[in-house]
């Protein structure tokens, strides 16, 4: 199971609204990046037949859907996607129990 915090759900919804995109957020893992694996994070109009589809409700609007393919789920199971605001950086934060190390930017990891 992947958890998306309420703040991250709202930021995903806001990004969809700003871009005028319908569908869900594809969350995945690809080979590459500083530490060997990188998080994939993109809009997708619909899930694939093998995807795990997670639905996160929002008050007074349509829920946010997250699509995860089975291979990526092996690396993402137990992960929490959050949004952090700070003076230096604002953005999504991946708290992944499978990550043995990650790069300084937080978008790449090794398992």
PDB file of N, CA and C in Angstrom:
ATOM      1  N   UNK A   1       0.836  -1.180   0.000  1.00  0.00           N
ATOM      2  CA  UNK A   1       0.000   0.000   0.000  1.00  0.00           C
ATOM      3  C   UNK A   1       0.880   1.242   0.000  1.00  0.00           C
ATOM      4  N   UNK A   2       0.496   2.236  -0.751  1.00  0.00           N
ATOM      5  CA  UNK A   2       1.168   3.526  -0.801  1.00  0.00           C
ATOM      6  C   UNK A   2       0.241   4.549  -0.161  1.00  0.00           C
ATOM      7  N   UNK A   3       0.811   5.387   0.696  1.00  0.00           N
ATOM      8  CA  UNK A   3       0.041   6.435   1.362  1.00  0.00           C
ATOM      9  C   UNK A   3       0.375   7.773   0.719  1.00  0.00           C
ATOM     10  N   UNK A   4      -0.644   8.577   0.480  1.00  0.00           N
ATOM     11  CA  UNK A   4      -0.461   9.939   0.001  1.00  0.00           C
ATOM     12  C   UNK A   4      -1.111  10.848   1.041  1.00  0.00           C
ATOM     13  N   UNK A   5      -0.326  11.749   1.610  1.00  0.00           N
ATOM     14  CA  UNK A   5      -0.841  12.615   2.665  1.00  0.00           C
ATOM     15  C   UNK A   5      -1.881  13.589   2.098  1.00  0.00           C
ATOM     16  N   UNK A   6      -2.766  14.086   2.944  1.00  0.00           N
ATOM     17  CA  UNK A   6      -3.774  15.042   2.467  1.00  0.00           C
ATOM     18  C   UNK A   6      -3.169  16.270   1.772  1.00  0.00           C
ATOM     19  N   UNK A   7      -2.051  16.759   2.270  1.00  0.00           N
ATOM     20  CA  UNK A   7      -1.408  17.913   1.637  1.00  0.00           C
ATOM     21  C   UNK A   7      -0.912  17.558   0.231  1.00  0.00           C
ATOM     22  N   UNK A   8      -0.335  16.372   0.067  1.00  0.00           N
ATOM     23  CA  UNK A   8       0.125  15.928  -1.252  1.00  0.00           C
ATOM     24  C   UNK A   8      -1.058  15.708  -2.194  1.00  0.00           C
ATOM     25  N   UNK A   9      -2.147  15.145  -1.684  1.00  0.00           N
ATOM     26  CA  UNK A   9      -3.352  14.955  -2.504  1.00  0.00           C
ATOM     27  C   UNK A   9      -3.845  16.299  -3.027  1.00  0.00           C
ATOM     28  N   UNK A  10      -3.868  17.304  -2.160  1.00  0.00           N
ATOM     29  CA  UNK A  10      -4.316  18.632  -2.576  1.00  0.00           C
ATOM     30  C   UNK A  10      -3.388  19.221  -3.637  1.00  0.00           C
ATOM     31  N   UNK A  11      -2.080  19.045  -3.485  1.00  0.00           N
ATOM     32  CA  UNK A  11      -1.117  19.563  -4.459  1.00  0.00           C
ATOM     33  C   UNK A  11      -1.259  18.853  -5.807  1.00  0.00           C
ATOM     34  N   UNK A  12      -1.525  17.551  -5.785  1.00  0.00           N
ATOM     35  CA  UNK A  12      -1.756  16.809  -7.023  1.00  0.00           C
ATOM     36  C   UNK A  12      -3.011  17.349  -7.708  1.00  0.00           C
ATOM     37  N   UNK A  13      -4.076  17.508  -6.936  1.00  0.00           N
ATOM     38  CA  UNK A  13      -5.329  18.053  -7.475  1.00  0.00           C
ATOM     39  C   UNK A  13      -5.103  19.435  -8.074  1.00  0.00           C
ATOM     40  N   UNK A  14      -4.381  20.295  -7.367  1.00  0.00           N
ATOM     41  CA  UNK A  14      -4.115  21.649  -7.848  1.00  0.00           C
ATOM     42  C   UNK A  14      -3.323  21.627  -9.156  1.00  0.00           C
ATOM     43  N   UNK A  15      -2.340  20.729  -9.258  1.00  0.00           N
ATOM     44  CA  UNK A  15      -1.544  20.611 -10.488  1.00  0.00           C
ATOM     45  C   UNK A  15      -2.415  20.153 -11.653  1.00  0.00           C
ATOM     46  N   UNK A  16      -3.303  19.194 -11.404  1.00  0.00           N
ATOM     47  CA  UNK A  16      -4.217  18.730 -12.452  1.00  0.00           C
ATOM     48  C   UNK A  16      -5.098  19.881 -12.921  1.00  0.00           C
ATOM     49  N   UNK A  17      -5.647  20.636 -11.973  1.00  0.00           N
ATOM     50  CA  UNK A  17      -6.535  21.754 -12.313  1.00  0.00           C
ATOM     51  C   UNK A  17      -5.786  22.824 -13.098  1.00  0.00           C
ATOM     52  N   UNK A  18      -4.582  23.142 -12.681  1.00  0.00           N
ATOM     53  CA  UNK A  18      -3.778  24.174 -13.345  1.00  0.00           C
ATOM     54  C   UNK A  18      -3.440  23.782 -14.779  1.00  0.00           C
ATOM     55  N   UNK A  19      -3.139  22.508 -14.992  1.00  0.00           N
ATOM     56  CA  UNK A  19      -2.776  22.013 -16.320  1.00  0.00           C
ATOM     57  C   UNK A  19      -3.992  21.636 -17.165  1.00  0.00           C
ATOM     58  N   UNK A  20      -5.177  21.597 -16.542  1.00  0.00           N
ATOM     59  CA  UNK A  20      -6.385  21.197 -17.265  1.00  0.00           C
ATOM     60  C   UNK A  20      -6.374  19.732 -17.656  1.00  0.00           C
ATOM     61  N   UNK A  21      -5.775  18.901 -16.808  1.00  0.00           N
ATOM     62  CA  UNK A  21      -5.596  17.482 -17.098  1.00  0.00           C
ATOM     63  C   UNK A  21      -6.643  16.653 -16.365  1.00  0.00           C
ATOM     64  N   UNK A  22      -7.148  15.635 -17.025  1.00  0.00           N
ATOM     65  CA  UNK A  22      -8.059  14.667 -16.410  1.00  0.00           C
ATOM     66  C   UNK A  22      -7.347  13.324 -16.340  1.00  0.00           C
ATOM     67  N   UNK A  23      -7.706  12.520 -15.368  1.00  0.00           N
ATOM     68  CA  UNK A  23      -7.105  11.200 -15.233  1.00  0.00           C
ATOM     69  C   UNK A  23      -6.511  11.028 -13.860  1.00  0.00           C
ATOM     70  N   UNK A  24      -5.307  10.452 -13.828  1.00  0.00           N
ATOM     71  CA  UNK A  24      -4.664  10.186 -12.556  1.00  0.00           C
ATOM     72  C   UNK A  24      -3.182  10.461 -12.611  1.00  0.00           C
ATOM     73  N   UNK A  25      -2.550  10.296 -11.484  1.00  0.00           N
ATOM     74  CA  UNK A  25      -1.114  10.479 -11.376  1.00  0.00           C
ATOM     75  C   UNK A  25      -0.453   9.111 -11.479  1.00  0.00           C
ATOM     76  N   UNK A  26       0.439   8.950 -12.444  1.00  0.00           N
ATOM     77  CA  UNK A  26       1.200   7.707 -12.562  1.00  0.00           C
ATOM     78  C   UNK A  26       2.429   7.839 -11.684  1.00  0.00           C
ATOM     79  N   UNK A  27       2.528   6.946 -10.725  1.00  0.00           N
ATOM     80  CA  UNK A  27       3.669   6.900  -9.810  1.00  0.00           C
ATOM     81  C   UNK A  27       4.391   5.598 -10.080  1.00  0.00           C
ATOM     82  N   UNK A  28       5.674   5.699 -10.398  1.00  0.00           N
ATOM     83  CA  UNK A  28       6.415   4.499 -10.736  1.00  0.00           C
ATOM     84  C   UNK A  28       7.886   4.627 -10.417  1.00  0.00           C
ATOM     85  N   UNK A  29       8.642   3.610 -10.798  1.00  0.00           N
ATOM     86  CA  UNK A  29      10.078   3.557 -10.593  1.00  0.00           C
ATOM     87  C   UNK A  29      10.724   3.184 -11.920  1.00  0.00           C
ATOM     88  N   UNK A  30      11.767   3.926 -12.281  1.00  0.00           N
ATOM     89  CA  UNK A  30      12.525   3.664 -13.499  1.00  0.00           C
ATOM     90  C   UNK A  30      13.994   3.498 -13.146  1.00  0.00           C
ATOM     91  N   UNK A  31      14.720   2.740 -13.952  1.00  0.00           N
ATOM     92  CA  UNK A  31      16.156   2.638 -13.773  1.00  0.00           C
ATOM     93  C   UNK A  31      16.808   3.952 -14.150  1.00  0.00           C
ATOM     94  N   UNK A  32      17.815   4.367 -13.382  1.00  0.00           N
ATOM     95  CA  UNK A  32      18.538   5.600 -13.685  1.00  0.00           C
ATOM     96  C   UNK A  32      18.592   6.512 -12.481  1.00  0.00           C
ATOM     97  N   UNK A  33      19.157   7.681 -12.685  1.00  0.00           N
ATOM     98  CA  UNK A  33      19.294   8.641 -11.593  1.00  0.00           C
ATOM     99  C   UNK A  33      20.594   8.440 -10.843  1.00  0.00           C
ATOM    100  N   UNK A  34      20.880   9.327  -9.939  1.00  0.00           N
ATOM    101  CA  UNK A  34      22.142   9.328  -9.175  1.00  0.00           C
ATOM    102  C   UNK A  34      22.359   8.035  -8.401  1.00  0.00           C
ATOM    103  N   UNK A  35      21.301   7.453  -7.878  1.00  0.00           N
ATOM    104  CA  UNK A  35      21.431   6.295  -6.983  1.00  0.00           C
ATOM    105  C   UNK A  35      20.992   4.983  -7.604  1.00  0.00           C
ATOM    106  N   UNK A  36      20.605   4.979  -8.874  1.00  0.00           N
ATOM    107  CA  UNK A  36      20.260   3.730  -9.556  1.00  0.00           C
ATOM    108  C   UNK A  36      18.804   3.605  -9.957  1.00  0.00           C
ATOM    109  N   UNK A  37      17.890   4.137  -9.158  1.00  0.00           N
ATOM    110  CA  UNK A  37      16.470   4.104  -9.474  1.00  0.00           C
ATOM    111  C   UNK A  37      15.900   5.511  -9.309  1.00  0.00           C
ATOM    112  N   UNK A  38      14.953   5.864 -10.162  1.00  0.00           N
ATOM    113  CA  UNK A  38      14.322   7.179 -10.088  1.00  0.00           C
ATOM    114  C   UNK A  38      12.815   7.024  -9.981  1.00  0.00           C
ATOM    115  N   UNK A  39      12.196   7.960  -9.281  1.00  0.00           N
ATOM    116  CA  UNK A  39      10.743   7.986  -9.203  1.00  0.00           C
ATOM    117  C   UNK A  39      10.171   8.573 -10.490  1.00  0.00           C
ATOM    118  N   UNK A  40       9.152   7.922 -11.011  1.00  0.00           N
ATOM    119  CA  UNK A  40       8.409   8.439 -12.164  1.00  0.00           C
ATOM    120  C   UNK A  40       7.159   9.100 -11.608  1.00  0.00           C
ATOM    121  N   UNK A  41       6.834  10.251 -12.147  1.00  0.00           N
ATOM    122  CA  UNK A  41       5.766  11.055 -11.597  1.00  0.00           C
ATOM    123  C   UNK A  41       5.165  11.831 -12.756  1.00  0.00           C
ATOM    124  N   UNK A  42       4.016  11.367 -13.300  1.00  0.00           N
ATOM    125  CA  UNK A  42       3.446  12.052 -14.457  1.00  0.00           C
ATOM    126  C   UNK A  42       1.939  11.870 -14.523  1.00  0.00           C
ATOM    127  N   UNK A  43       1.298  12.722 -15.309  1.00  0.00           N
ATOM    128  CA  UNK A  43      -0.137  12.605 -15.544  1.00  0.00           C
ATOM    129  C   UNK A  43      -0.392  11.432 -16.479  1.00  0.00           C
ATOM    130  N   UNK A  44      -1.499  10.733 -16.270  1.00  0.00           N
ATOM    131  CA  UNK A  44      -1.891   9.656 -17.173  1.00  0.00           C
ATOM    132  C   UNK A  44      -3.409   9.709 -17.301  1.00  0.00           C
ATOM    133  N   UNK A  45      -3.934   9.702 -18.523  1.00  0.00           N
ATOM    134  CA  UNK A  45      -5.381   9.837 -18.694  1.00  0.00           C
ATOM    135  C   UNK A  45      -6.201   8.684 -18.117  1.00  0.00           C
ATOM    136  N   UNK A  46      -5.612   7.473 -18.086  1.00  0.00           N
ATOM    137  CA  UNK A  46      -6.354   6.339 -17.535  1.00  0.00           C
ATOM    138  C   UNK A  46      -5.380   5.262 -17.065  1.00  0.00           C
ATOM    139  N   UNK A  47      -5.828   4.400 -16.163  1.00  0.00           N
ATOM    140  CA  UNK A  47      -4.947   3.323 -15.688  1.00  0.00           C
ATOM    141  C   UNK A  47      -4.826   2.210 -16.726  1.00  0.00           C
ATOM    142  N   UNK A  48      -3.747   1.467 -16.613  1.00  0.00           N
ATOM    143  CA  UNK A  48      -3.576   0.251 -17.423  1.00  0.00           C
ATOM    144  C   UNK A  48      -4.314  -0.884 -16.713  1.00  0.00           C
ATOM    145  N   UNK A  49      -4.571  -1.950 -17.434  1.00  0.00           N
ATOM    146  CA  UNK A  49      -5.364  -3.052 -16.863  1.00  0.00           C
ATOM    147  C   UNK A  49      -4.688  -3.710 -15.665  1.00  0.00           C
ATOM    148  N   UNK A  50      -3.366  -3.655 -15.571  1.00  0.00           N
ATOM    149  CA  UNK A  50      -2.653  -4.307 -14.466  1.00  0.00           C
ATOM    150  C   UNK A  50      -2.302  -3.354 -13.325  1.00  0.00           C
ATOM    151  N   UNK A  51      -2.624  -2.081 -13.467  1.00  0.00           N
ATOM    152  CA  UNK A  51      -2.279  -1.093 -12.445  1.00  0.00           C
ATOM    153  C   UNK A  51      -3.059  -1.289 -11.155  1.00  0.00           C
ATOM    154  N   UNK A  52      -2.415  -0.942 -10.064  1.00  0.00           N
ATOM    155  CA  UNK A  52      -3.132  -0.764  -8.805  1.00  0.00           C
ATOM    156  C   UNK A  52      -3.625   0.676  -8.837  1.00  0.00           C
ATOM    157  N   UNK A  53      -4.907   0.883  -8.605  1.00  0.00           N
ATOM    158  CA  UNK A  53      -5.492   2.220  -8.622  1.00  0.00           C
ATOM    159  C   UNK A  53      -5.862   2.597  -7.196  1.00  0.00           C
ATOM    160  N   UNK A  54      -5.238   3.666  -6.714  1.00  0.00           N
ATOM    161  CA  UNK A  54      -5.522   4.177  -5.376  1.00  0.00           C
ATOM    162  C   UNK A  54      -6.347   5.440  -5.519  1.00  0.00           C
ATOM    163  N   UNK A  55      -7.366   5.575  -4.696  1.00  0.00           N
ATOM    164  CA  UNK A  55      -8.258   6.735  -4.761  1.00  0.00           C
ATOM    165  C   UNK A  55      -8.208   7.468  -3.431  1.00  0.00           C
ATOM    166  N   UNK A  56      -7.954   8.783  -3.521  1.00  0.00           N
ATOM    167  CA  UNK A  56      -7.856   9.622  -2.328  1.00  0.00           C
ATOM    168  C   UNK A  56      -8.907  10.720  -2.417  1.00  0.00           C
ATOM    169  N   UNK A  57      -9.869  10.727  -1.494  1.00  0.00           N
ATOM    170  CA  UNK A  57     -10.960  11.710  -1.552  1.00  0.00           C
ATOM    171  C   UNK A  57     -10.482  13.114  -1.204  1.00  0.00           C
ATOM    172  N   UNK A  58     -11.166  14.083  -1.786  1.00  0.00           N
ATOM    173  CA  UNK A  58     -10.968  15.496  -1.471  1.00  0.00           C
ATOM    174  C   UNK A  58     -12.327  16.100  -1.199  1.00  0.00           C
ATOM    175  N   UNK A  59     -12.376  17.012  -0.270  1.00  0.00           N
ATOM    176  CA  UNK A  59     -13.648  17.644   0.082  1.00  0.00           C
ATOM    177  C   UNK A  59     -14.125  18.540  -1.065  1.00  0.00           C
ATOM    178  N   UNK A  60     -15.389  18.405  -1.431  1.00  0.00           N
ATOM    179  CA  UNK A  60     -16.058  19.250  -2.421  1.00  0.00           C
ATOM    180  C   UNK A  60     -15.496  19.157  -3.834  1.00  0.00           C
ATOM    181  N   UNK A  61     -14.847  18.071  -4.178  1.00  0.00           N
ATOM    182  CA  UNK A  61     -14.342  17.893  -5.535  1.00  0.00           C
ATOM    183  C   UNK A  61     -14.122  16.408  -5.810  1.00  0.00           C
ATOM    184  N   UNK A  62     -13.779  16.100  -7.052  1.00  0.00           N
ATOM    185  CA  UNK A  62     -13.519  14.711  -7.417  1.00  0.00           C
ATOM    186  C   UNK A  62     -12.277  14.193  -6.685  1.00  0.00           C
ATOM    187  N   UNK A  63     -12.238  12.898  -6.391  1.00  0.00           N
ATOM    188  CA  UNK A  63     -11.060  12.340  -5.725  1.00  0.00           C
ATOM    189  C   UNK A  63      -9.851  12.329  -6.663  1.00  0.00           C
ATOM    190  N   UNK A  64      -8.677  12.202  -6.082  1.00  0.00           N
ATOM    191  CA  UNK A  64      -7.432  12.075  -6.835  1.00  0.00           C
ATOM    192  C   UNK A  64      -7.120  10.588  -6.955  1.00  0.00           C
ATOM    193  N   UNK A  65      -6.760  10.163  -8.177  1.00  0.00           N
ATOM    194  CA  UNK A  65      -6.381   8.772  -8.383  1.00  0.00           C
ATOM    195  C   UNK A  65      -4.886   8.684  -8.654  1.00  0.00           C
ATOM    196  N   UNK A  66      -4.276   7.625  -8.125  1.00  0.00           N
ATOM    197  CA  UNK A  66      -2.863   7.335  -8.342  1.00  0.00           C
ATOM    198  C   UNK A  66      -2.779   5.951  -8.958  1.00  0.00           C
ATOM    199  N   UNK A  67      -2.039   5.830 -10.070  1.00  0.00           N
ATOM    200  CA  UNK A  67      -1.875   4.566 -10.780  1.00  0.00           C
ATOM    201  C   UNK A  67      -0.451   4.062 -10.567  1.00  0.00           C
ATOM    202  N   UNK A  68      -0.323   2.781 -10.161  1.00  0.00           N
ATOM    203  CA  UNK A  68       0.995   2.184  -9.934  1.00  0.00           C
ATOM    204  C   UNK A  68       1.046   0.829 -10.631  1.00  0.00           C
ATOM    205  N   UNK A  69       2.061   0.641 -11.489  1.00  0.00           N
ATOM    206  CA  UNK A  69       2.203  -0.643 -12.175  1.00  0.00           C
ATOM    207  C   UNK A  69       2.769  -1.683 -11.202  1.00  0.00           C
ATOM    208  N   UNK A  70       2.529  -2.978 -11.459  1.00  0.00           N
ATOM    209  CA  UNK A  70       2.937  -4.029 -10.510  1.00  0.00           C
ATOM    210  C   UNK A  70       4.434  -4.062 -10.213  1.00  0.00           C
ATOM    211  N   UNK A  71       5.278  -3.820 -11.213  1.00  0.00           N
ATOM    212  CA  UNK A  71       6.729  -3.856 -11.002  1.00  0.00           C
ATOM    213  C   UNK A  71       7.167  -2.716 -10.077  1.00  0.00           C
ATOM    214  N   UNK A  72       6.622  -1.529 -10.297  1.00  0.00           N
ATOM    215  CA  UNK A  72       6.966  -0.390  -9.440  1.00  0.00           C
ATOM    216  C   UNK A  72       6.459  -0.587  -8.022  1.00  0.00           C
ATOM    217  N   UNK A  73       5.321  -1.255  -7.888  1.00  0.00           N
ATOM    218  CA  UNK A  73       4.742  -1.457  -6.562  1.00  0.00           C
ATOM    219  C   UNK A  73       5.688  -2.245  -5.652  1.00  0.00           C
ATOM    220  N   UNK A  74       6.519  -3.105  -6.244  1.00  0.00           N
ATOM    221  CA  UNK A  74       7.507  -3.842  -5.448  1.00  0.00           C
ATOM    222  C   UNK A  74       8.452  -2.888  -4.719  1.00  0.00           C
ATOM    223  N   UNK A  75       8.783  -1.746  -5.347  1.00  0.00           N
ATOM    224  CA  UNK A  75       9.694  -0.768  -4.762  1.00  0.00           C
ATOM    225  C   UNK A  75       8.973   0.313  -3.962  1.00  0.00           C
ATOM    226  N   UNK A  76       7.663   0.466  -4.196  1.00  0.00           N
ATOM    227  CA  UNK A  76       6.920   1.555  -3.578  1.00  0.00           C
ATOM    228  C   UNK A  76       6.022   1.127  -2.429  1.00  0.00           C
ATOM    229  N   UNK A  77       5.785  -0.161  -2.271  1.00  0.00           N
ATOM    230  CA  UNK A  77       4.892  -0.642  -1.229  1.00  0.00           C
ATOM    231  C   UNK A  77       5.377  -0.163   0.146  1.00  0.00           C
ATOM    232  N   UNK A  78       4.512   0.489   0.880  1.00  0.00           N
ATOM    233  CA  UNK A  78       4.853   1.016   2.193  1.00  0.00           C
ATOM    234  C   UNK A  78       5.330   2.462   2.164  1.00  0.00           C
ATOM    235  N   UNK A  79       5.460   3.037   0.973  1.00  0.00           N
ATOM    236  CA  UNK A  79       5.953   4.401   0.825  1.00  0.00           C
ATOM    237  C   UNK A  79       4.875   5.431   1.162  1.00  0.00           C
ATOM    238  N   UNK A  80       5.322   6.587   1.647  1.00  0.00           N
ATOM    239  CA  UNK A  80       4.433   7.726   1.867  1.00  0.00           C
ATOM    240  C   UNK A  80       4.894   8.870   0.969  1.00  0.00           C
ATOM    241  N   UNK A  81       3.956   9.416   0.209  1.00  0.00           N
ATOM    242  CA  UNK A  81       4.211  10.594  -0.614  1.00  0.00           C
ATOM    243  C   UNK A  81       3.644  11.789   0.131  1.00  0.00           C
ATOM    244  N   UNK A  82       4.497  12.779   0.387  1.00  0.00           N
ATOM    245  CA  UNK A  82       4.094  13.949   1.148  1.00  0.00           C
ATOM    246  C   UNK A  82       4.500  15.202   0.382  1.00  0.00           C
ATOM    247  N   UNK A  83       4.052  16.342   0.867  1.00  0.00           N
ATOM    248  CA  UNK A  83       4.448  17.643   0.337  1.00  0.00           C
ATOM    249  C   UNK A  83       5.039  18.445   1.493  1.00  0.00           C
ATOM    250  N   UNK A  84       6.213  19.010   1.269  1.00  0.00           N
ATOM    251  CA  UNK A  84       6.867  19.822   2.289  1.00  0.00           C
ATOM    252  C   UNK A  84       7.130  21.212   1.739  1.00  0.00           C
ATOM    253  N   UNK A  85       6.904  22.214   2.580  1.00  0.00           N
ATOM    254  CA  UNK A  85       7.241  23.598   2.270  1.00  0.00           C
ATOM    255  C   UNK A  85       8.366  24.026   3.201  1.00  0.00           C
ATOM    256  N   UNK A  86       9.416  24.601   2.630  1.00  0.00           N
ATOM    257  CA  UNK A  86      10.490  25.150   3.445  1.00  0.00           C
ATOM    258  C   UNK A  86      11.027  26.401   2.762  1.00  0.00           C
ATOM    259  N   UNK A  87      11.922  27.089   3.414  1.00  0.00           N
ATOM    260  CA  UNK A  87      12.508  28.294   2.832  1.00  0.00           C
ATOM    261  C   UNK A  87      13.367  27.984   1.607  1.00  0.00           C
ATOM    262  N   UNK A  88      13.979  26.816   1.609  1.00  0.00           N
ATOM    263  CA  UNK A  88      14.891  26.450   0.527  1.00  0.00           C
ATOM    264  C   UNK A  88      14.202  25.690  -0.598  1.00  0.00           C
ATOM    265  N   UNK A  89      13.265  24.830  -0.241  1.00  0.00           N
ATOM    266  CA  UNK A  89      12.659  23.945  -1.244  1.00  0.00           C
ATOM    267  C   UNK A  89      11.222  23.603  -0.859  1.00  0.00           C
ATOM    268  N   UNK A  90      10.357  23.627  -1.836  1.00  0.00           N
ATOM    269  CA  UNK A  90       8.996  23.127  -1.656  1.00  0.00           C
ATOM    270  C   UNK A  90       8.758  22.073  -2.723  1.00  0.00           C
ATOM    271  N   UNK A  91       8.186  20.961  -2.321  1.00  0.00           N
ATOM    272  CA  UNK A  91       7.918  19.911  -3.297  1.00  0.00           C
ATOM    273  C   UNK A  91       7.528  18.604  -2.648  1.00  0.00           C
ATOM    274  N   UNK A  92       7.330  17.612  -3.511  1.00  0.00           N
ATOM    275  CA  UNK A  92       6.958  16.291  -3.047  1.00  0.00           C
ATOM    276  C   UNK A  92       8.158  15.617  -2.387  1.00  0.00           C
ATOM    277  N   UNK A  93       7.860  14.858  -1.348  1.00  0.00           N
ATOM    278  CA  UNK A  93       8.871  14.130  -0.599  1.00  0.00           C
ATOM    279  C   UNK A  93       8.455  12.666  -0.561  1.00  0.00           C
ATOM    280  N   UNK A  94       9.405  11.784  -0.882  1.00  0.00           N
ATOM    281  CA  UNK A  94       9.165  10.347  -0.896  1.00  0.00           C
ATOM    282  C   UNK A  94       9.781   9.733   0.353  1.00  0.00           C
ATOM    283  N   UNK A  95       8.955   9.160   1.220  1.00  0.00           N
ATOM    284  CA  UNK A  95       9.443   8.437   2.394  1.00  0.00           C
ATOM    285  C   UNK A  95       9.260   6.953   2.089  1.00  0.00           C
ATOM    286  N   UNK A  96      10.341   6.343   1.582  1.00  0.00           N
ATOM    287  CA  UNK A  96      10.269   4.987   1.055  1.00  0.00           C
ATOM    288  C   UNK A  96      11.084   4.035   1.929  1.00  0.00           C
ATOM    289  N   UNK A  97      10.422   3.061   2.578  1.00  0.00           N
ATOM    290  CA  UNK A  97      11.147   2.126   3.436  1.00  0.00           C
ATOM    291  C   UNK A  97      12.080   1.191   2.664  1.00  0.00           C
ATOM    292  N   UNK A  98      11.916   1.094   1.339  1.00  0.00           N
ATOM    293  CA  UNK A  98      12.771   0.230   0.517  1.00  0.00           C
ATOM    294  C   UNK A  98      14.061   0.930   0.092  1.00  0.00           C
ATOM    295  N   UNK A  99      14.140   2.243   0.277  1.00  0.00           N
ATOM    296  CA  UNK A  99      15.310   3.001  -0.149  1.00  0.00           C
ATOM    297  C   UNK A  99      16.440   2.824   0.858  1.00  0.00           C
ATOM    298  N   UNK A 100      17.513   2.188   0.425  1.00  0.00           N
ATOM    299  CA  UNK A 100      18.671   2.008   1.288  1.00  0.00           C
ATOM    300  C   UNK A 100      19.502   3.283   1.328  1.00  0.00           C
ATOM    301  N   UNK A 101      19.528   4.013   0.222  1.00  0.00           N
ATOM    302  CA  UNK A 101      20.153   5.339   0.183  1.00  0.00           C
ATOM    303  C   UNK A 101      19.458   6.141  -0.901  1.00  0.00           C
ATOM    304  N   UNK A 102      19.535   7.452  -0.787  1.00  0.00           N
ATOM    305  CA  UNK A 102      18.937   8.311  -1.802  1.00  0.00           C
ATOM    306  C   UNK A 102      19.873   9.471  -2.082  1.00  0.00           C
ATOM    307  N   UNK A 103      19.631  10.125  -3.204  1.00  0.00           N
ATOM    308  CA  UNK A 103      20.474  11.253  -3.584  1.00  0.00           C
ATOM    309  C   UNK A 103      20.026  12.509  -2.850  1.00  0.00           C
ATOM    310  N   UNK A 104      20.783  13.566  -2.970  1.00  0.00           N
ATOM    311  CA  UNK A 104      20.480  14.806  -2.278  1.00  0.00           C
ATOM    312  C   UNK A 104      19.171  15.445  -2.707  1.00  0.00           C
ATOM    313  N   UNK A 105      18.786  15.256  -3.979  1.00  0.00           N
ATOM    314  CA  UNK A 105      17.546  15.878  -4.458  1.00  0.00           C
ATOM    315  C   UNK A 105      16.314  15.097  -4.020  1.00  0.00           C
ATOM    316  N   UNK A 106      16.482  13.840  -3.600  1.00  0.00           N
ATOM    317  CA  UNK A 106      15.361  13.059  -3.095  1.00  0.00           C
ATOM    318  C   UNK A 106      14.519  12.377  -4.162  1.00  0.00           C
ATOM    319  N   UNK A 107      14.948  12.435  -5.436  1.00  0.00           N
ATOM    320  CA  UNK A 107      14.156  11.811  -6.493  1.00  0.00           C
ATOM    321  C   UNK A 107      14.794  10.528  -7.015  1.00  0.00           C
ATOM    322  N   UNK A 108      15.910  10.132  -6.436  1.00  0.00           N
ATOM    323  CA  UNK A 108      16.609   8.930  -6.864  1.00  0.00           C
ATOM    324  C   UNK A 108      16.978   8.129  -5.617  1.00  0.00           C
ATOM    325  N   UNK A 109      16.970   6.797  -5.754  1.00  0.00           N
ATOM    326  CA  UNK A 109      17.276   5.945  -4.604  1.00  0.00           C
ATOM    327  C   UNK A 109      17.836   4.616  -5.058  1.00  0.00           C
ATOM    328  N   UNK A 110      18.376   3.859  -4.127  1.00  0.00           N
ATOM    329  CA  UNK A 110      18.790   2.474  -4.400  1.00  0.00           C
ATOM    330  C   UNK A 110      18.070   1.576  -3.405  1.00  0.00           C
ATOM    331  N   UNK A 111      17.728   0.397  -3.874  1.00  0.00           N
ATOM    332  CA  UNK A 111      16.978  -0.537  -3.031  1.00  0.00           C
ATOM    333  C   UNK A 111      17.845  -1.708  -2.630  1.00  0.00           C
TER     334      UNK A 111
END
